[in-house]
Amino acid sequence: MGAIPILEWAALVLVLVLAVLAVHLRDLLKGALALAVMSAVLAAMFFHWGAPWAAMFELSVCAGFITVLFLAVIALTEAREQDE
């Protein structure tokens, strides 16, 4: 095992920072978007490491479907709170 290139370290740090941001942001919309970007970066890392199936699953389900689901729930709950 050789040394990890600087680009891989940067991607790992970016995933960690985005994951922490997704948890700690008060705005739910920004947190969901941080989670989506984190999943997209993680999918790129999987593809780079030679796991295309894991990358496609991560990108389609986590960065795609789950993000759309979170955004829909946020939009519906905010609309309901404004009505009350």
N, C-alpha and C. Protein backbone atom coordinates (compact mmCIF):
# COMPACT_ATOMS: atom_id res chain seq x y z
N MET A 1 0.85 -1.18 0.00
CA MET A 1 0.00 0.00 0.00
C MET A 1 0.89 1.24 0.00
N GLY A 2 0.65 2.08 -0.97
CA GLY A 2 1.41 3.31 -1.08
C GLY A 2 0.74 4.44 -0.34
N ALA A 3 1.32 5.57 -0.47
CA ALA A 3 0.76 6.77 0.16
C ALA A 3 -0.50 7.20 -0.60
N ILE A 4 -1.43 7.77 0.15
CA ILE A 4 -2.67 8.26 -0.46
C ILE A 4 -2.38 9.60 -1.11
N PRO A 5 -2.75 9.76 -2.39
CA PRO A 5 -2.50 11.04 -3.07
C PRO A 5 -3.27 12.19 -2.42
N ILE A 6 -2.78 13.39 -2.66
CA ILE A 6 -3.34 14.58 -2.02
C ILE A 6 -4.79 14.80 -2.41
N LEU A 7 -5.18 14.43 -3.64
CA LEU A 7 -6.56 14.61 -4.08
C LEU A 7 -7.52 13.71 -3.28
N GLU A 8 -7.08 12.50 -2.96
CA GLU A 8 -7.91 11.62 -2.16
C GLU A 8 -8.05 12.14 -0.73
N TRP A 9 -6.98 12.70 -0.18
CA TRP A 9 -7.07 13.30 1.15
C TRP A 9 -8.04 14.47 1.14
N ALA A 10 -7.96 15.29 0.10
CA ALA A 10 -8.86 16.44 0.00
C ALA A 10 -10.31 15.98 -0.10
N ALA A 11 -10.56 14.92 -0.86
CA ALA A 11 -11.93 14.40 -0.97
C ALA A 11 -12.42 13.84 0.36
N LEU A 12 -11.55 13.14 1.07
CA LEU A 12 -11.93 12.61 2.39
C LEU A 12 -12.25 13.73 3.37
N VAL A 13 -11.44 14.78 3.37
CA VAL A 13 -11.70 15.91 4.25
C VAL A 13 -13.00 16.61 3.86
N LEU A 14 -13.24 16.74 2.55
CA LEU A 14 -14.47 17.37 2.07
C LEU A 14 -15.70 16.56 2.50
N VAL A 15 -15.63 15.24 2.39
CA VAL A 15 -16.74 14.40 2.83
C VAL A 15 -16.98 14.57 4.33
N LEU A 16 -15.93 14.60 5.11
CA LEU A 16 -16.07 14.77 6.55
C LEU A 16 -16.67 16.13 6.90
N VAL A 17 -16.20 17.18 6.26
CA VAL A 17 -16.71 18.53 6.54
C VAL A 17 -18.18 18.63 6.15
N LEU A 18 -18.54 18.10 4.98
CA LEU A 18 -19.93 18.16 4.54
C LEU A 18 -20.84 17.32 5.43
N ALA A 19 -20.36 16.20 5.93
CA ALA A 19 -21.16 15.37 6.83
C ALA A 19 -21.42 16.10 8.14
N VAL A 20 -20.41 16.75 8.68
CA VAL A 20 -20.58 17.52 9.91
C VAL A 20 -21.52 18.71 9.68
N LEU A 21 -21.38 19.37 8.54
CA LEU A 21 -22.28 20.48 8.20
C LEU A 21 -23.72 20.00 8.08
N ALA A 22 -23.93 18.85 7.45
CA ALA A 22 -25.28 18.32 7.28
C ALA A 22 -25.96 18.07 8.61
N VAL A 23 -25.18 17.69 9.59
CA VAL A 23 -25.76 17.41 10.91
C VAL A 23 -25.97 18.67 11.72
N HIS A 24 -25.06 19.62 11.63
CA HIS A 24 -25.09 20.77 12.52
C HIS A 24 -25.77 22.02 11.98
N LEU A 25 -26.10 22.06 10.69
CA LEU A 25 -26.76 23.24 10.16
C LEU A 25 -28.18 23.35 10.71
N ARG A 26 -28.58 24.54 11.09
CA ARG A 26 -29.94 24.76 11.60
C ARG A 26 -30.97 24.78 10.48
N ASP A 27 -30.59 25.29 9.31
CA ASP A 27 -31.49 25.34 8.17
C ASP A 27 -31.57 23.94 7.54
N LEU A 28 -32.76 23.35 7.52
CA LEU A 28 -32.90 21.99 7.01
C LEU A 28 -32.60 21.89 5.53
N LEU A 29 -32.92 22.91 4.77
CA LEU A 29 -32.65 22.89 3.34
C LEU A 29 -31.15 22.85 3.07
N LYS A 30 -30.40 23.67 3.78
CA LYS A 30 -28.94 23.67 3.61
C LYS A 30 -28.34 22.36 4.08
N GLY A 31 -28.88 21.77 5.13
CA GLY A 31 -28.40 20.48 5.61
C GLY A 31 -28.65 19.37 4.60
N ALA A 32 -29.83 19.38 3.98
CA ALA A 32 -30.13 18.36 2.96
C ALA A 32 -29.23 18.52 1.74
N LEU A 33 -28.97 19.75 1.35
CA LEU A 33 -28.08 19.98 0.21
C LEU A 33 -26.64 19.59 0.54
N ALA A 34 -26.20 19.85 1.76
CA ALA A 34 -24.85 19.42 2.16
C ALA A 34 -24.74 17.90 2.13
N LEU A 35 -25.80 17.23 2.55
CA LEU A 35 -25.82 15.76 2.50
C LEU A 35 -25.77 15.25 1.07
N ALA A 36 -26.48 15.94 0.16
CA ALA A 36 -26.46 15.54 -1.25
C ALA A 36 -25.08 15.72 -1.88
N VAL A 37 -24.44 16.83 -1.58
CA VAL A 37 -23.10 17.07 -2.12
C VAL A 37 -22.11 16.07 -1.54
N MET A 38 -22.26 15.75 -0.25
CA MET A 38 -21.39 14.75 0.37
C MET A 38 -21.55 13.40 -0.31
N SER A 39 -22.78 13.02 -0.62
CA SER A 39 -23.02 11.75 -1.30
C SER A 39 -22.44 11.76 -2.71
N ALA A 40 -22.51 12.88 -3.40
CA ALA A 40 -21.95 12.97 -4.74
C ALA A 40 -20.42 12.84 -4.71
N VAL A 41 -19.78 13.48 -3.75
CA VAL A 41 -18.32 13.37 -3.61
C VAL A 41 -17.94 11.94 -3.25
N LEU A 42 -18.71 11.32 -2.37
CA LEU A 42 -18.45 9.93 -1.99
C LEU A 42 -18.63 9.00 -3.18
N ALA A 43 -19.62 9.27 -4.03
CA ALA A 43 -19.81 8.46 -5.24
C ALA A 43 -18.62 8.61 -6.18
N ALA A 44 -18.09 9.82 -6.30
CA ALA A 44 -16.91 10.02 -7.13
C ALA A 44 -15.71 9.25 -6.57
N MET A 45 -15.60 9.22 -5.25
CA MET A 45 -14.51 8.47 -4.63
C MET A 45 -14.67 6.97 -4.88
N PHE A 46 -15.89 6.45 -4.78
CA PHE A 46 -16.13 5.03 -5.07
C PHE A 46 -15.75 4.70 -6.51
N PHE A 47 -16.14 5.57 -7.43
CA PHE A 47 -15.81 5.33 -8.84
C PHE A 47 -14.30 5.35 -9.06
N HIS A 48 -13.63 6.28 -8.41
CA HIS A 48 -12.17 6.37 -8.52
C HIS A 48 -11.48 5.13 -7.97
N TRP A 49 -12.04 4.56 -6.91
CA TRP A 49 -11.45 3.38 -6.28
C TRP A 49 -11.83 2.08 -6.98
N GLY A 50 -12.57 2.17 -8.09
CA GLY A 50 -12.87 0.98 -8.86
C GLY A 50 -14.12 0.24 -8.43
N ALA A 51 -15.07 0.94 -7.83
CA ALA A 51 -16.33 0.32 -7.43
C ALA A 51 -17.49 1.06 -8.12
N PRO A 52 -17.68 0.81 -9.41
CA PRO A 52 -18.70 1.58 -10.14
C PRO A 52 -20.12 1.29 -9.69
N TRP A 53 -20.40 0.06 -9.26
CA TRP A 53 -21.75 -0.25 -8.80
C TRP A 53 -22.07 0.49 -7.51
N ALA A 54 -21.13 0.53 -6.61
CA ALA A 54 -21.34 1.28 -5.37
C ALA A 54 -21.48 2.76 -5.66
N ALA A 55 -20.71 3.26 -6.62
CA ALA A 55 -20.79 4.67 -6.99
C ALA A 55 -22.15 4.99 -7.60
N MET A 56 -22.65 4.14 -8.47
CA MET A 56 -23.96 4.38 -9.08
C MET A 56 -25.07 4.31 -8.04
N PHE A 57 -24.99 3.37 -7.14
CA PHE A 57 -26.00 3.26 -6.09
C PHE A 57 -25.97 4.48 -5.17
N GLU A 58 -24.79 4.90 -4.78
CA GLU A 58 -24.64 6.08 -3.91
C GLU A 58 -25.19 7.32 -4.60
N LEU A 59 -24.88 7.48 -5.87
CA LEU A 59 -25.32 8.67 -6.59
C LEU A 59 -26.82 8.66 -6.85
N SER A 60 -27.36 7.52 -7.24
CA SER A 60 -28.79 7.48 -7.58
C SER A 60 -29.68 7.48 -6.35
N VAL A 61 -29.34 6.69 -5.36
CA VAL A 61 -30.22 6.57 -4.20
C VAL A 61 -29.93 7.66 -3.17
N CYS A 62 -28.71 7.77 -2.73
CA CYS A 62 -28.41 8.71 -1.64
C CYS A 62 -28.41 10.16 -2.11
N ALA A 63 -27.69 10.45 -3.18
CA ALA A 63 -27.62 11.84 -3.65
C ALA A 63 -28.85 12.23 -4.44
N GLY A 64 -29.56 11.26 -5.01
CA GLY A 64 -30.73 11.57 -5.81
C GLY A 64 -32.03 11.43 -5.07
N PHE A 65 -32.45 10.19 -4.87
CA PHE A 65 -33.78 9.93 -4.31
C PHE A 65 -33.95 10.47 -2.89
N ILE A 66 -33.00 10.21 -2.03
CA ILE A 66 -33.12 10.65 -0.64
C ILE A 66 -33.15 12.18 -0.55
N THR A 67 -32.35 12.85 -1.37
CA THR A 67 -32.35 14.31 -1.37
C THR A 67 -33.69 14.86 -1.84
N VAL A 68 -34.25 14.29 -2.90
CA VAL A 68 -35.57 14.73 -3.38
C VAL A 68 -36.63 14.47 -2.31
N LEU A 69 -36.54 13.35 -1.64
CA LEU A 69 -37.48 13.04 -0.57
C LEU A 69 -37.36 14.04 0.58
N PHE A 70 -36.13 14.35 1.00
CA PHE A 70 -35.93 15.33 2.06
C PHE A 70 -36.45 16.71 1.65
N LEU A 71 -36.16 17.14 0.42
CA LEU A 71 -36.62 18.45 -0.04
C LEU A 71 -38.14 18.52 -0.11
N ALA A 72 -38.78 17.44 -0.53
CA ALA A 72 -40.25 17.42 -0.58
C ALA A 72 -40.85 17.51 0.82
N VAL A 73 -40.28 16.77 1.76
CA VAL A 73 -40.79 16.81 3.14
C VAL A 73 -40.57 18.19 3.75
N ILE A 74 -39.43 18.80 3.50
CA ILE A 74 -39.15 20.14 4.02
C ILE A 74 -40.14 21.14 3.43
N ALA A 75 -40.39 21.05 2.13
CA ALA A 75 -41.33 21.98 1.49
C ALA A 75 -42.75 21.78 2.02
N LEU A 76 -43.16 20.55 2.22
CA LEU A 76 -44.52 20.29 2.72
C LEU A 76 -44.70 20.72 4.17
N THR A 77 -43.69 20.49 4.99
CA THR A 77 -43.84 20.88 6.40
C THR A 77 -43.75 22.39 6.57
N GLU A 78 -42.93 23.06 5.77
CA GLU A 78 -42.86 24.52 5.87
C GLU A 78 -44.15 25.16 5.37
N ALA A 79 -44.77 24.57 4.34
CA ALA A 79 -46.04 25.11 3.85
C ALA A 79 -47.12 24.93 4.90
N ARG A 80 -47.12 23.83 5.59
CA ARG A 80 -48.12 23.56 6.62
C ARG A 80 -47.92 24.50 7.83
N GLU A 81 -46.65 24.75 8.20
CA GLU A 81 -46.38 25.66 9.32
C GLU A 81 -46.80 27.08 8.99
N GLN A 82 -46.67 27.51 7.75
CA GLN A 82 -47.07 28.86 7.37
C GLN A 82 -48.58 29.00 7.36
N ASP A 83 -49.32 27.92 7.06
CA ASP A 83 -50.78 27.97 7.07
C ASP A 83 -51.32 28.14 8.49
N GLU A 84 -50.65 27.57 9.45
CA GLU A 84 -51.13 27.62 10.84
C GLU A 84 -50.74 28.90 11.47
